[in-house]
């Protein structure tokens, strides 16, 4: 087995363990590097769908528009526009990236967990 199948075989959510600091009302760019069991990058640029969302501590989705998920030869890059984040209150959030192989619907879930969180601060007044 190799590539995406290495991730699917575990049948567990993968944990993003970094803290992301972001400012409401600014554009966010969040990269996700995916590697197989041998440490090789996983190309999801074709044949996959990828979605991302940000949730509050109650599990409520907080961004529904202004998001793009670029599928790359090494993983994914999420961009949230300034407009998408402008109304977020200051606080701690959790992110979730879902990648699905379109040929067989094999799914990999990457979630922010335990010590991983997205901390949003308010944009300073101009």
Protein backbone atom coordinates (compact mmCIF):
# COMPACT_ATOMS: atom_id res chain seq x y z
CA UNK A 1 0.00 0.00 0.00
CA UNK A 2 1.12 3.57 -0.56
CA UNK A 3 -0.11 7.09 -0.98
CA UNK A 4 -3.70 7.89 -0.04
CA UNK A 5 -4.38 4.21 0.75
CA UNK A 6 -1.93 4.46 3.67
CA UNK A 7 -4.14 7.15 5.20
CA UNK A 8 -7.40 5.33 4.47
CA UNK A 9 -6.11 2.05 5.96
CA UNK A 10 -5.79 3.58 9.42
CA UNK A 11 -9.53 4.35 9.40
CA UNK A 12 -8.99 7.05 12.01
CA UNK A 13 -9.19 10.82 11.93
CA UNK A 14 -5.77 12.40 11.48
CA UNK A 15 -4.97 15.04 14.03
CA UNK A 16 -3.65 18.45 13.12
CA UNK A 17 -1.64 19.38 16.19
CA UNK A 18 -0.62 22.93 15.51
CA UNK A 19 -2.25 26.07 16.82
CA UNK A 20 -3.40 28.48 14.11
CA UNK A 21 -3.61 32.15 14.98
CA UNK A 22 -5.84 34.19 12.69
CA UNK A 23 -7.38 37.63 12.67
CA UNK A 24 -11.06 38.12 11.85
CA UNK A 25 -11.51 40.29 8.77
CA UNK A 26 -8.27 39.16 7.13
CA UNK A 27 -7.59 36.47 4.54
CA UNK A 28 -6.35 33.18 5.99
CA UNK A 29 -4.16 30.65 4.16
CA UNK A 30 -3.79 27.28 5.91
CA UNK A 31 -1.62 24.58 4.30
CA UNK A 32 -2.04 20.85 4.99
CA UNK A 33 0.85 18.60 3.95
CA UNK A 34 -0.16 14.96 3.47
CA UNK A 35 2.41 12.16 3.52
CA UNK A 36 2.14 8.37 3.26
CA UNK A 37 3.74 5.81 5.56
CA UNK A 38 7.07 6.24 3.73
CA UNK A 39 7.03 10.00 4.18
CA UNK A 40 6.24 10.70 0.51
CA UNK A 41 3.86 13.55 -0.38
CA UNK A 42 0.34 12.51 -1.38
CA UNK A 43 -0.96 14.08 -4.58
CA UNK A 44 -4.67 14.90 -4.30
CA UNK A 45 -4.69 17.38 -7.18
CA UNK A 46 -6.96 15.19 -9.33
CA UNK A 47 -9.50 12.50 -8.48
CA UNK A 48 -10.34 13.88 -5.03
CA UNK A 49 -12.72 16.34 -3.43
CA UNK A 50 -11.75 18.33 -0.37
CA UNK A 51 -13.86 20.43 1.98
CA UNK A 52 -12.92 22.45 5.05
CA UNK A 53 -14.82 24.13 7.82
CA UNK A 54 -14.33 25.95 11.08
CA UNK A 55 -16.43 25.04 14.12
CA UNK A 56 -16.99 26.73 17.46
CA UNK A 57 -16.65 24.83 20.74
CA UNK A 58 -20.30 23.70 20.44
CA UNK A 59 -19.65 22.12 17.02
CA UNK A 60 -21.50 24.82 15.08
CA UNK A 61 -20.12 25.60 11.61
CA UNK A 62 -18.89 29.19 11.52
CA UNK A 63 -17.78 29.79 7.91
CA UNK A 64 -19.99 28.78 5.01
CA UNK A 65 -18.91 31.10 2.19
CA UNK A 66 -15.64 32.59 1.01
CA UNK A 67 -13.71 29.33 1.29
CA UNK A 68 -11.54 27.60 -1.27
CA UNK A 69 -9.65 24.36 -0.85
CA UNK A 70 -6.85 23.98 -3.40
CA UNK A 71 -5.91 20.34 -3.92
CA UNK A 72 -2.17 20.08 -4.59
CA UNK A 73 0.54 17.52 -5.32
CA UNK A 74 1.51 17.63 -1.63
CA UNK A 75 -1.86 18.00 0.13
CA UNK A 76 -4.26 20.91 0.37
CA UNK A 77 -4.24 24.66 0.93
CA UNK A 78 -7.31 26.29 2.48
CA UNK A 79 -8.04 29.97 1.88
CA UNK A 80 -10.74 31.87 3.75
CA UNK A 81 -11.39 35.38 2.49
CA UNK A 82 -11.44 38.43 4.72
CA UNK A 83 -15.18 38.69 4.09
CA UNK A 84 -15.70 35.09 5.28
CA UNK A 85 -13.98 35.73 8.60
CA UNK A 86 -15.03 39.30 9.33
CA UNK A 87 -18.00 38.44 11.59
CA UNK A 88 -16.23 35.82 13.70
CA UNK A 89 -16.08 36.77 17.35
CA UNK A 90 -12.82 36.49 19.22
CA UNK A 91 -12.43 32.95 20.50
CA UNK A 92 -11.18 29.42 20.03
CA UNK A 93 -12.35 27.27 17.12
CA UNK A 94 -11.61 23.84 15.64
CA UNK A 95 -11.00 23.01 12.00
CA UNK A 96 -11.90 19.97 9.90
CA UNK A 97 -10.59 18.94 6.47
CA UNK A 98 -12.39 16.11 4.65
CA UNK A 99 -10.74 14.50 1.61
CA UNK A 100 -12.68 12.01 -0.53
CA UNK A 101 -11.28 9.91 -3.41
CA UNK A 102 -13.97 10.18 -6.07
CA UNK A 103 -13.34 6.73 -7.61
CA UNK A 104 -14.39 4.77 -4.51
CA UNK A 105 -15.48 7.35 -1.90
CA UNK A 106 -12.57 6.43 0.39
CA UNK A 107 -12.43 9.24 2.94
CA UNK A 108 -9.75 10.77 5.14
CA UNK A 109 -10.64 13.18 7.91
CA UNK A 110 -8.12 15.67 9.32
CA UNK A 111 -9.32 17.38 12.48
CA UNK A 112 -7.93 19.83 14.96
CA UNK A 113 -7.73 17.96 18.24
CA UNK A 114 -6.90 18.52 21.90
CA UNK A 115 -3.93 20.90 21.79
CA UNK A 116 -4.78 22.00 18.24
CA UNK A 117 -7.03 24.98 17.95
CA UNK A 118 -7.67 28.01 15.82
CA UNK A 119 -7.51 31.22 17.81
CA UNK A 120 -9.23 34.21 16.24
CA UNK A 121 -8.62 37.76 17.33
CA UNK A 122 -10.52 40.84 16.22
CA UNK A 123 -9.00 43.04 13.55
CA UNK A 124 -7.76 46.35 14.91
CA UNK A 125 -9.84 49.38 13.97
CA UNK A 126 -8.44 51.33 11.04
